[in-house]
Amino acid sequence: MSAEDGSTTPGTVRPGGRTARTRAAVRDAVLTGLAEHGYPGLTVEYVAERSGVHKTTLYRRWGSVEGLVTDALDLAGEDAWTPPDTGSLDGDLRALAHEVTDTFGDASAAAAPIAFIAAAFQSESTAEALRGFYAERFARCETVVQRAVERGEAPPGTDAAAVVRAVSAPLFFRAVVTREPLDAPLAARTAAAVAAAVRAGGYLPATSPEPADRPGSADRD
């Protein structure tokens, strides 16, 4: 969306052609900078040198390091990634879990996403962009559960968003909070546990129990 003075709000530019190539080059420089220096060490000067885009242009279009990081997350969410389709709920959940362990279990692959997470604790706009990125990512994954319902592998009404989060959450916790190692057996166990809970109805919407009659209430009617 353009501002009244003709400038653009950081993170909202979506044109194609040369501008798209510039945006992609800036995004790549931001990712590299985050991986190498983290959010506190990332500077507009670094992005300018790495991307080949003059820093005056960066300040005009993105405003600050915060704007650069936010737009890099926005652009990352525009990719063509689709969730796995293995033909079964167990296979799809296992594949999703393996994607998490493959990314966060490799130090070089995990550097940029972990830097984004760290940046979200220091910048509210980055935190908002990160929430949006993962919300959109998880929304794409909901088709995994929808297909399972159609195949009779999951009860109708299963909360698809809760399922895909449940597969990722224990792995993210180990990768980002406790910094424990991730491996394929862990991914398989996590996926199997979630699949079993799905089949048991563990992700159906909660229902409020009927209030129990209080002792002696009938005598007072």
C-alpha atoms as a PDB file:
ATOM      1  CA  MET A   1       0.000   0.000   0.000  1.00  0.00           C
ATOM      2  CA  SER A   2       1.394   3.354  -0.977  1.00  0.00           C
ATOM      3  CA  ALA A   3       1.506   6.254   1.409  1.00  0.00           C
ATOM      4  CA  GLU A   4       0.123   9.598   0.371  1.00  0.00           C
ATOM      5  CA  ASP A   5       3.602  10.991  -0.319  1.00  0.00           C
ATOM      6  CA  GLY A   6       4.316   8.214  -2.836  1.00  0.00           C
ATOM      7  CA  SER A   7       6.664   6.252  -0.592  1.00  0.00           C
ATOM      8  CA  THR A   8       5.940   2.683   0.431  1.00  0.00           C
ATOM      9  CA  THR A   9       5.395   1.111   3.792  1.00  0.00           C
ATOM     10  CA  PRO A  10       8.154  -1.390   4.678  1.00  0.00           C
ATOM     11  CA  GLY A  11       7.133  -4.950   3.954  1.00  0.00           C
ATOM     12  CA  THR A  12       4.232  -4.103   1.622  1.00  0.00           C
ATOM     13  CA  VAL A  13       5.977  -3.933  -1.776  1.00  0.00           C
ATOM     14  CA  ARG A  14       4.855  -6.801  -4.054  1.00  0.00           C
ATOM     15  CA  PRO A  15       5.876  -5.803  -7.622  1.00  0.00           C
ATOM     16  CA  GLY A  16       7.591  -8.022 -10.168  1.00  0.00           C
ATOM     17  CA  GLY A  17      10.520  -7.586 -12.559  1.00  0.00           C
ATOM     18  CA  ARG A  18      13.581  -5.672 -11.473  1.00  0.00           C
ATOM     19  CA  THR A  19      11.998  -4.594  -8.195  1.00  0.00           C
ATOM     20  CA  ALA A  20      11.234  -8.221  -7.336  1.00  0.00           C
ATOM     21  CA  ARG A  21      14.860  -9.171  -8.039  1.00  0.00           C
ATOM     22  CA  THR A  22      16.041  -6.336  -5.818  1.00  0.00           C
ATOM     23  CA  ARG A  23      13.727  -7.447  -3.049  1.00  0.00           C
ATOM     24  CA  ALA A  24      14.960 -11.042  -3.345  1.00  0.00           C
ATOM     25  CA  ALA A  25      18.606  -9.911  -3.228  1.00  0.00           C
ATOM     26  CA  VAL A  26      17.890  -7.871  -0.115  1.00  0.00           C
ATOM     27  CA  ARG A  27      16.048 -10.799   1.467  1.00  0.00           C
ATOM     28  CA  ASP A  28      19.024 -13.109   0.806  1.00  0.00           C
ATOM     29  CA  ALA A  29      21.401 -10.560   2.338  1.00  0.00           C
ATOM     30  CA  VAL A  30      19.185 -10.267   5.416  1.00  0.00           C
ATOM     31  CA  LEU A  31      19.075 -14.048   5.832  1.00  0.00           C
ATOM     32  CA  THR A  32      22.851 -14.303   5.507  1.00  0.00           C
ATOM     33  CA  GLY A  33      23.369 -11.454   7.936  1.00  0.00           C
ATOM     34  CA  LEU A  34      21.031 -12.950  10.504  1.00  0.00           C
ATOM     35  CA  ALA A  35      22.787 -16.307  10.221  1.00  0.00           C
ATOM     36  CA  GLU A  36      26.246 -14.758  10.541  1.00  0.00           C
ATOM     37  CA  HIS A  37      25.678 -11.949  13.049  1.00  0.00           C
ATOM     38  CA  GLY A  38      22.213 -12.384  14.572  1.00  0.00           C
ATOM     39  CA  TYR A  39      19.659  -9.592  14.818  1.00  0.00           C
ATOM     40  CA  PRO A  40      21.747  -7.294  17.060  1.00  0.00           C
ATOM     41  CA  GLY A  41      24.676  -7.428  14.603  1.00  0.00           C
ATOM     42  CA  LEU A  42      22.668  -6.898  11.425  1.00  0.00           C
ATOM     43  CA  THR A  43      23.065  -3.435   9.880  1.00  0.00           C
ATOM     44  CA  VAL A  44      21.693  -1.623   6.868  1.00  0.00           C
ATOM     45  CA  GLU A  45      25.286  -1.137   5.713  1.00  0.00           C
ATOM     46  CA  TYR A  46      25.867  -4.896   5.765  1.00  0.00           C
ATOM     47  CA  VAL A  47      22.698  -5.541   3.731  1.00  0.00           C
ATOM     48  CA  ALA A  48      23.684  -2.848   1.243  1.00  0.00           C
ATOM     49  CA  GLU A  49      27.147  -4.307   0.729  1.00  0.00           C
ATOM     50  CA  ARG A  50      25.899  -7.889   0.527  1.00  0.00           C
ATOM     51  CA  SER A  51      22.924  -7.207  -1.763  1.00  0.00           C
ATOM     52  CA  GLY A  52      24.479  -4.562  -3.979  1.00  0.00           C
ATOM     53  CA  VAL A  53      21.565  -2.220  -3.240  1.00  0.00           C
ATOM     54  CA  HIS A  54      22.557   1.274  -2.142  1.00  0.00           C
ATOM     55  CA  LYS A  55      21.807   1.970   1.493  1.00  0.00           C
ATOM     56  CA  THR A  56      19.874   5.107   0.537  1.00  0.00           C
ATOM     57  CA  THR A  57      17.465   2.867  -1.364  1.00  0.00           C
ATOM     58  CA  LEU A  58      17.240   0.509   1.589  1.00  0.00           C
ATOM     59  CA  TYR A  59      16.397   3.319   3.993  1.00  0.00           C
ATOM     60  CA  ARG A  60      13.848   4.769   1.559  1.00  0.00           C
ATOM     61  CA  ARG A  61      12.017   1.495   0.931  1.00  0.00           C
ATOM     62  CA  TRP A  62      12.470  -0.429   4.187  1.00  0.00           C
ATOM     63  CA  GLY A  63      13.221   2.299   6.698  1.00  0.00           C
ATOM     64  CA  SER A  64      15.385   0.295   9.099  1.00  0.00           C
ATOM     65  CA  VAL A  65      16.815  -3.098   9.961  1.00  0.00           C
ATOM     66  CA  GLU A  66      13.467  -3.905  11.551  1.00  0.00           C
ATOM     67  CA  GLY A  67      11.708  -3.211   8.247  1.00  0.00           C
ATOM     68  CA  LEU A  68      14.228  -5.326   6.357  1.00  0.00           C
ATOM     69  CA  VAL A  69      13.750  -8.311   8.664  1.00  0.00           C
ATOM     70  CA  THR A  70       9.968  -8.001   8.597  1.00  0.00           C
ATOM     71  CA  ASP A  71       9.902  -7.924   4.809  1.00  0.00           C
ATOM     72  CA  ALA A  72      12.270 -10.904   4.609  1.00  0.00           C
ATOM     73  CA  LEU A  73       9.733 -12.885   6.632  1.00  0.00           C
ATOM     74  CA  ASP A  74       6.886 -11.661   4.449  1.00  0.00           C
ATOM     75  CA  LEU A  75       8.752 -12.739   1.330  1.00  0.00           C
ATOM     76  CA  ALA A  76       9.590 -16.119   2.851  1.00  0.00           C
ATOM     77  CA  GLY A  77       5.876 -16.718   3.283  1.00  0.00           C
ATOM     78  CA  GLU A  78       5.247 -16.215  -0.429  1.00  0.00           C
ATOM     79  CA  ASP A  79       7.003 -19.392  -1.521  1.00  0.00           C
ATOM     80  CA  ALA A  80       5.352 -22.380  -3.199  1.00  0.00           C
ATOM     81  CA  TRP A  81       5.935 -24.862  -0.364  1.00  0.00           C
ATOM     82  CA  THR A  82       3.206 -27.460   0.069  1.00  0.00           C
ATOM     83  CA  PRO A  83       2.772 -30.031   2.832  1.00  0.00           C
ATOM     84  CA  PRO A  84       3.594 -33.679   2.141  1.00  0.00           C
ATOM     85  CA  ASP A  85       1.033 -36.037   0.621  1.00  0.00           C
ATOM     86  CA  THR A  86       2.174 -39.578   1.353  1.00  0.00           C
ATOM     87  CA  GLY A  87      -1.283 -41.157   1.195  1.00  0.00           C
ATOM     88  CA  SER A  88      -1.741 -41.663   4.936  1.00  0.00           C
ATOM     89  CA  LEU A  89      -2.071 -39.562   8.067  1.00  0.00           C
ATOM     90  CA  ASP A  90       0.845 -41.318   9.742  1.00  0.00           C
ATOM     91  CA  GLY A  91       3.081 -40.784   6.722  1.00  0.00           C
ATOM     92  CA  ASP A  92       2.144 -37.121   6.340  1.00  0.00           C
ATOM     93  CA  LEU A  93       2.701 -36.294  10.012  1.00  0.00           C
ATOM     94  CA  ARG A  94       5.987 -38.175   9.989  1.00  0.00           C
ATOM     95  CA  ALA A  95       7.117 -36.232   6.911  1.00  0.00           C
ATOM     96  CA  LEU A  96       6.181 -32.921   8.559  1.00  0.00           C
ATOM     97  CA  ALA A  97       8.125 -33.867  11.684  1.00  0.00           C
ATOM     98  CA  HIS A  98      11.147 -34.842   9.606  1.00  0.00           C
ATOM     99  CA  GLU A  99      11.088 -31.447   7.866  1.00  0.00           C
ATOM    100  CA  VAL A 100      11.375 -29.747  11.247  1.00  0.00           C
ATOM    101  CA  THR A 101      14.209 -32.007  12.417  1.00  0.00           C
ATOM    102  CA  ASP A 102      16.033 -31.686   9.091  1.00  0.00           C
ATOM    103  CA  THR A 103      15.949 -27.892   9.360  1.00  0.00           C
ATOM    104  CA  PHE A 104      16.578 -27.347  13.054  1.00  0.00           C
ATOM    105  CA  GLY A 105      18.830 -30.364  13.433  1.00  0.00           C
ATOM    106  CA  ASP A 106      21.364 -28.858  11.031  1.00  0.00           C
ATOM    107  CA  ALA A 107      23.262 -25.877  12.418  1.00  0.00           C
ATOM    108  CA  SER A 108      23.670 -24.081   9.080  1.00  0.00           C
ATOM    109  CA  ALA A 109      20.046 -24.585   8.064  1.00  0.00           C
ATOM    110  CA  ALA A 110      18.771 -23.558  11.494  1.00  0.00           C
ATOM    111  CA  ALA A 111      20.838 -20.373  11.804  1.00  0.00           C
ATOM    112  CA  ALA A 112      18.455 -18.042   9.965  1.00  0.00           C
ATOM    113  CA  PRO A 113      15.155 -19.318  11.408  1.00  0.00           C
ATOM    114  CA  ILE A 114      16.575 -19.259  14.932  1.00  0.00           C
ATOM    115  CA  ALA A 115      17.800 -15.708  14.307  1.00  0.00           C
ATOM    116  CA  PHE A 116      14.280 -14.738  13.214  1.00  0.00           C
ATOM    117  CA  ILE A 117      12.901 -16.184  16.442  1.00  0.00           C
ATOM    118  CA  ALA A 118      15.487 -14.297  18.484  1.00  0.00           C
ATOM    119  CA  ALA A 119      14.686 -11.096  16.606  1.00  0.00           C
ATOM    120  CA  ALA A 120      11.005 -11.520  17.446  1.00  0.00           C
ATOM    121  CA  PHE A 121      11.885 -11.049  21.126  1.00  0.00           C
ATOM    122  CA  GLN A 122      13.494  -7.693  20.316  1.00  0.00           C
ATOM    123  CA  SER A 123      11.107  -6.286  17.728  1.00  0.00           C
ATOM    124  CA  GLU A 124       7.306  -6.305  17.911  1.00  0.00           C
ATOM    125  CA  SER A 125       6.938  -5.887  14.152  1.00  0.00           C
ATOM    126  CA  THR A 126       9.209  -8.885  13.608  1.00  0.00           C
ATOM    127  CA  ALA A 127       7.201 -10.848  16.178  1.00  0.00           C
ATOM    128  CA  GLU A 128       4.006 -10.008  14.319  1.00  0.00           C
ATOM    129  CA  ALA A 129       5.555 -11.021  11.003  1.00  0.00           C
ATOM    130  CA  LEU A 130       6.809 -14.280  12.524  1.00  0.00           C
ATOM    131  CA  ARG A 131       3.348 -15.068  13.887  1.00  0.00           C
ATOM    132  CA  GLY A 132       1.902 -14.397  10.465  1.00  0.00           C
ATOM    133  CA  PHE A 133       4.497 -16.585   8.767  1.00  0.00           C
ATOM    134  CA  TYR A 134       3.821 -19.589  10.979  1.00  0.00           C
ATOM    135  CA  ALA A 135       0.048 -19.079  10.973  1.00  0.00           C
ATOM    136  CA  GLU A 136       0.104 -19.173   7.180  1.00  0.00           C
ATOM    137  CA  ARG A 137       2.480 -22.161   7.203  1.00  0.00           C
ATOM    138  CA  PHE A 138       0.250 -24.122   9.566  1.00  0.00           C
ATOM    139  CA  ALA A 139      -2.826 -23.175   7.547  1.00  0.00           C
ATOM    140  CA  ARG A 140      -1.256 -24.829   4.502  1.00  0.00           C
ATOM    141  CA  CYS A 141      -0.673 -27.969   6.569  1.00  0.00           C
ATOM    142  CA  GLU A 142      -4.316 -28.282   7.543  1.00  0.00           C
ATOM    143  CA  THR A 143      -4.974 -30.114   4.296  1.00  0.00           C
ATOM    144  CA  VAL A 144      -3.066 -33.060   5.798  1.00  0.00           C
ATOM    145  CA  VAL A 145      -5.818 -33.511   8.392  1.00  0.00           C
ATOM    146  CA  GLN A 146      -8.623 -32.756   5.958  1.00  0.00           C
ATOM    147  CA  ARG A 147      -7.421 -35.575   3.718  1.00  0.00           C
ATOM    148  CA  ALA A 148      -7.203 -37.880   6.739  1.00  0.00           C
ATOM    149  CA  VAL A 149     -10.828 -37.133   7.618  1.00  0.00           C
ATOM    150  CA  GLU A 150     -11.879 -37.918   4.039  1.00  0.00           C
ATOM    151  CA  ARG A 151      -9.999 -41.257   4.201  1.00  0.00           C
ATOM    152  CA  GLY A 152     -11.607 -42.138   7.522  1.00  0.00           C
ATOM    153  CA  GLU A 153      -8.318 -41.896   9.443  1.00  0.00           C
ATOM    154  CA  ALA A 154      -9.473 -39.007  11.630  1.00  0.00           C
ATOM    155  CA  PRO A 155     -12.858 -38.153  13.163  1.00  0.00           C
ATOM    156  CA  PRO A 156     -14.855 -35.405  11.427  1.00  0.00           C
ATOM    157  CA  GLY A 157     -14.392 -32.138  13.274  1.00  0.00           C
ATOM    158  CA  THR A 158     -10.744 -32.790  14.139  1.00  0.00           C
ATOM    159  CA  ASP A 159      -8.970 -29.485  14.785  1.00  0.00           C
ATOM    160  CA  ALA A 160      -6.482 -29.493  11.908  1.00  0.00           C
ATOM    161  CA  ALA A 161      -4.545 -26.455  13.143  1.00  0.00           C
ATOM    162  CA  ALA A 162      -4.056 -28.042  16.571  1.00  0.00           C
ATOM    163  CA  VAL A 163      -2.805 -31.263  14.999  1.00  0.00           C
ATOM    164  CA  VAL A 164      -0.112 -29.684  12.864  1.00  0.00           C
ATOM    165  CA  ARG A 165       1.030 -27.526  15.770  1.00  0.00           C
ATOM    166  CA  ALA A 166       1.218 -30.592  18.006  1.00  0.00           C
ATOM    167  CA  VAL A 167       3.603 -32.276  15.578  1.00  0.00           C
ATOM    168  CA  SER A 168       5.946 -29.301  15.502  1.00  0.00           C
ATOM    169  CA  ALA A 169       5.750 -27.982  19.066  1.00  0.00           C
ATOM    170  CA  PRO A 170       7.858 -30.611  20.902  1.00  0.00           C
ATOM    171  CA  LEU A 171      10.520 -30.415  18.199  1.00  0.00           C
ATOM    172  CA  PHE A 172      10.620 -26.605  18.271  1.00  0.00           C
ATOM    173  CA  PHE A 173      10.876 -26.738  22.063  1.00  0.00           C
ATOM    174  CA  ARG A 174      13.937 -28.989  21.941  1.00  0.00           C
ATOM    175  CA  ALA A 175      15.536 -27.009  19.127  1.00  0.00           C
ATOM    176  CA  VAL A 176      14.970 -23.499  20.450  1.00  0.00           C
ATOM    177  CA  VAL A 177      14.369 -23.681  24.209  1.00  0.00           C
ATOM    178  CA  THR A 178      16.289 -26.630  25.665  1.00  0.00           C
ATOM    179  CA  ARG A 179      18.758 -26.870  22.763  1.00  0.00           C
ATOM    180  CA  GLU A 180      18.611 -30.668  22.768  1.00  0.00           C
ATOM    181  CA  PRO A 181      19.520 -32.664  19.656  1.00  0.00           C
ATOM    182  CA  LEU A 182      16.911 -33.639  17.081  1.00  0.00           C
ATOM    183  CA  ASP A 183      16.947 -36.862  15.099  1.00  0.00           C
ATOM    184  CA  ALA A 184      14.804 -39.075  12.883  1.00  0.00           C
ATOM    185  CA  PRO A 185      13.637 -41.472  15.646  1.00  0.00           C
ATOM    186  CA  LEU A 186      12.412 -38.494  17.685  1.00  0.00           C
ATOM    187  CA  ALA A 187      10.501 -37.162  14.682  1.00  0.00           C
ATOM    188  CA  ALA A 188       8.911 -40.571  14.108  1.00  0.00           C
ATOM    189  CA  ARG A 189       7.868 -40.927  17.767  1.00  0.00           C
ATOM    190  CA  THR A 190       6.395 -37.445  17.866  1.00  0.00           C
ATOM    191  CA  ALA A 191       4.383 -38.029  14.701  1.00  0.00           C
ATOM    192  CA  ALA A 192       3.166 -41.444  15.898  1.00  0.00           C
ATOM    193  CA  ALA A 193       1.986 -39.993  19.218  1.00  0.00           C
ATOM    194  CA  VAL A 194       0.023 -37.232  17.498  1.00  0.00           C
ATOM    195  CA  ALA A 195      -1.483 -39.654  14.972  1.00  0.00           C
ATOM    196  CA  ALA A 196      -2.646 -41.926  17.798  1.00  0.00           C
ATOM    197  CA  ALA A 197      -4.205 -38.974  19.610  1.00  0.00           C
ATOM    198  CA  VAL A 198      -5.981 -37.918  16.409  1.00  0.00           C
ATOM    199  CA  ARG A 199      -7.514 -41.367  15.942  1.00  0.00           C
ATOM    200  CA  ALA A 200      -8.616 -41.387  19.584  1.00  0.00           C
ATOM    201  CA  GLY A 201     -10.453 -38.091  19.125  1.00  0.00           C
ATOM    202  CA  GLY A 202      -7.945 -36.093  21.134  1.00  0.00           C
ATOM    203  CA  TYR A 203      -8.179 -33.122  18.786  1.00  0.00           C
ATOM    204  CA  LEU A 204     -11.942 -32.850  18.608  1.00  0.00           C
ATOM    205  CA  PRO A 205     -13.382 -29.581  19.944  1.00  0.00           C
ATOM    206  CA  ALA A 206     -13.792 -29.634  23.705  1.00  0.00           C
ATOM    207  CA  THR A 207     -17.353 -29.843  24.987  1.00  0.00           C
ATOM    208  CA  SER A 208     -18.528 -28.494  28.301  1.00  0.00           C
ATOM    209  CA  PRO A 209     -19.772 -31.247  30.631  1.00  0.00           C
ATOM    210  CA  GLU A 210     -23.328 -31.080  31.843  1.00  0.00           C
ATOM    211  CA  PRO A 211     -23.404 -29.629  35.372  1.00  0.00           C
ATOM    212  CA  ALA A 212     -24.003 -32.344  37.945  1.00  0.00           C
ATOM    213  CA  ASP A 213     -27.060 -32.052  40.166  1.00  0.00           C
ATOM    214  CA  ARG A 214     -26.143 -30.930  43.643  1.00  0.00           C
ATOM    215  CA  PRO A 215     -26.965 -33.391  46.412  1.00  0.00           C
ATOM    216  CA  GLY A 216     -30.380 -32.748  47.843  1.00  0.00           C
ATOM    217  CA  SER A 217     -31.373 -30.272  45.158  1.00  0.00           C
ATOM    218  CA  ALA A 218     -34.370 -32.373  44.095  1.00  0.00           C
ATOM    219  CA  ASP A 219     -35.727 -32.323  47.641  1.00  0.00           C
ATOM    220  CA  ARG A 220     -35.851 -28.529  47.598  1.00  0.00           C
ATOM    221  CA  ASP A 221     -37.831 -28.311  44.323  1.00  0.00           C
END
